[in-house]
Protein backbone atom coordinates (compact mmCIF):
# COMPACT_ATOMS: atom_id res chain seq x y z
CA MET A 1 -13.05 -9.00 -6.26
CA LYS A 2 -9.65 -9.75 -7.95
CA THR A 3 -9.30 -6.24 -9.06
CA LEU A 4 -9.97 -4.79 -5.62
CA THR A 5 -7.65 -7.49 -4.13
CA LYS A 6 -4.61 -6.64 -6.56
CA ALA A 7 -5.37 -3.11 -5.86
CA ALA A 8 -5.12 -3.50 -2.10
CA LEU A 9 -1.85 -5.55 -2.58
CA THR A 10 -0.11 -2.68 -4.85
CA LEU A 11 -1.36 -0.01 -2.29
CA LEU A 12 -0.02 -2.28 0.64
CA THR A 13 3.45 -2.46 -1.08
CA ALA A 14 3.42 1.34 -1.74
CA THR A 15 2.82 2.15 1.57
CA VAL A 16 5.22 -0.14 3.14
CA MET A 17 7.94 1.28 0.64
CA THR A 18 7.18 4.65 1.61
CA SER A 19 6.94 4.37 5.21
CA ALA A 20 10.11 2.33 5.50
CA PHE A 21 12.12 5.22 3.55
CA ALA A 22 10.20 7.86 5.33
CA GLY A 23 11.41 6.77 8.84
CA SER A 24 15.08 6.40 8.14
CA ASP A 25 17.53 9.15 7.50
CA ASP A 26 18.46 8.44 3.85
CA ASN A 27 19.33 11.27 1.28
CA TYR A 28 16.93 13.15 -0.61
CA SER A 29 17.53 11.04 -3.73
CA ASP A 30 16.27 7.43 -2.10
CA ARG A 31 13.31 9.30 -0.64
CA ILE A 32 12.17 10.87 -3.93
CA GLN A 33 12.75 7.34 -5.78
CA SER A 34 10.72 6.10 -3.02
CA THR A 35 7.82 8.57 -3.37
CA LYS A 36 7.94 8.22 -7.23
CA ALA A 37 7.47 4.35 -6.56
CA GLY A 38 4.65 4.92 -4.51
CA ILE A 39 3.09 7.41 -6.98
CA GLU A 40 3.21 4.87 -9.68
CA ALA A 41 1.67 2.05 -7.55
CA LEU A 42 -1.15 4.44 -6.55
CA SER A 43 -1.79 5.59 -10.11
CA ASN A 44 -1.78 2.19 -11.33
CA THR A 45 -4.27 1.00 -8.50
CA LEU A 46 -6.71 4.06 -9.14
CA GLU A 47 -6.42 3.01 -12.90
CA ASN A 48 -7.31 -0.66 -12.19
CA MET A 49 -10.20 0.66 -10.02
CA GLY A 50 -11.43 2.73 -13.25
CA ALA A 51 -10.57 6.16 -12.12
CA THR A 52 -8.99 8.88 -14.31
CA VAL A 53 -5.61 9.59 -12.92
CA ASP A 54 -3.13 12.51 -13.42
CA ALA A 55 0.16 11.43 -11.78
CA SER A 56 2.27 13.89 -13.68
CA VAL A 57 4.86 15.87 -11.45
CA ASP A 58 5.65 19.41 -12.28
CA LEU A 59 9.33 20.73 -11.01
CA ASN A 60 9.54 23.80 -12.30
CA GLY A 61 10.58 25.93 -9.72
CA ALA A 62 11.87 23.30 -7.66
CA TYR A 63 15.65 23.57 -7.67
CA THR A 64 16.76 21.92 -4.47
CA PRO A 65 16.27 18.16 -3.44
CA SER A 66 13.81 19.13 -0.56
CA GLN A 67 11.61 21.04 -2.88
CA LYS A 68 11.46 18.39 -5.44
CA GLU A 69 10.89 16.03 -2.72
CA ALA A 70 7.95 18.31 -1.51
CA VAL A 71 6.63 18.28 -4.88
CA TYR A 72 6.40 14.51 -5.25
CA THR A 73 5.27 14.50 -1.72
CA GLU A 74 2.27 16.54 -2.69
CA VAL A 75 1.23 14.54 -5.88
CA TYR A 76 1.58 11.17 -3.66
CA SER A 77 -0.90 12.86 -1.12
CA ASN A 78 -3.45 13.90 -3.81
CA LEU A 79 -3.31 10.52 -5.27
CA GLN A 80 -3.84 8.92 -1.68
CA ASP A 81 -6.78 11.30 -1.17
CA GLN A 82 -8.29 10.10 -4.55
CA PHE A 83 -7.83 6.23 -3.55
CA ASP A 84 -9.26 7.09 -0.31
CA ALA A 85 -12.26 8.91 -1.73
CA LEU A 86 -13.10 5.98 -4.15
CA HIS A 87 -12.43 3.24 -1.70
CA ALA A 88 -14.96 4.88 0.51
CA GLN A 89 -17.38 5.15 -2.69
CA SER A 90 -16.97 1.34 -3.41
CA ALA A 91 -17.71 0.38 0.09
CA GLU A 92 -20.98 2.12 0.31
């Protein structure tokens, strides 16, 4: 239960950080840093839940800040999907 509580707190922190930056008109660098933090938090949470995590980011071909942001956002989204699936399994 402690692991689940720790995981929930980590996820909540990452979600709040990501939401706070996504809603404002910060520059790309800030949004990328926020998404990186979310990726790190989610990957740590998933690892604590016993999942195998691939949080690697391939920026090959991403030259502009918006392209880089899209790559990081996709990785975050994939990790979020993995978390949701694992959480649903543990709830059963």
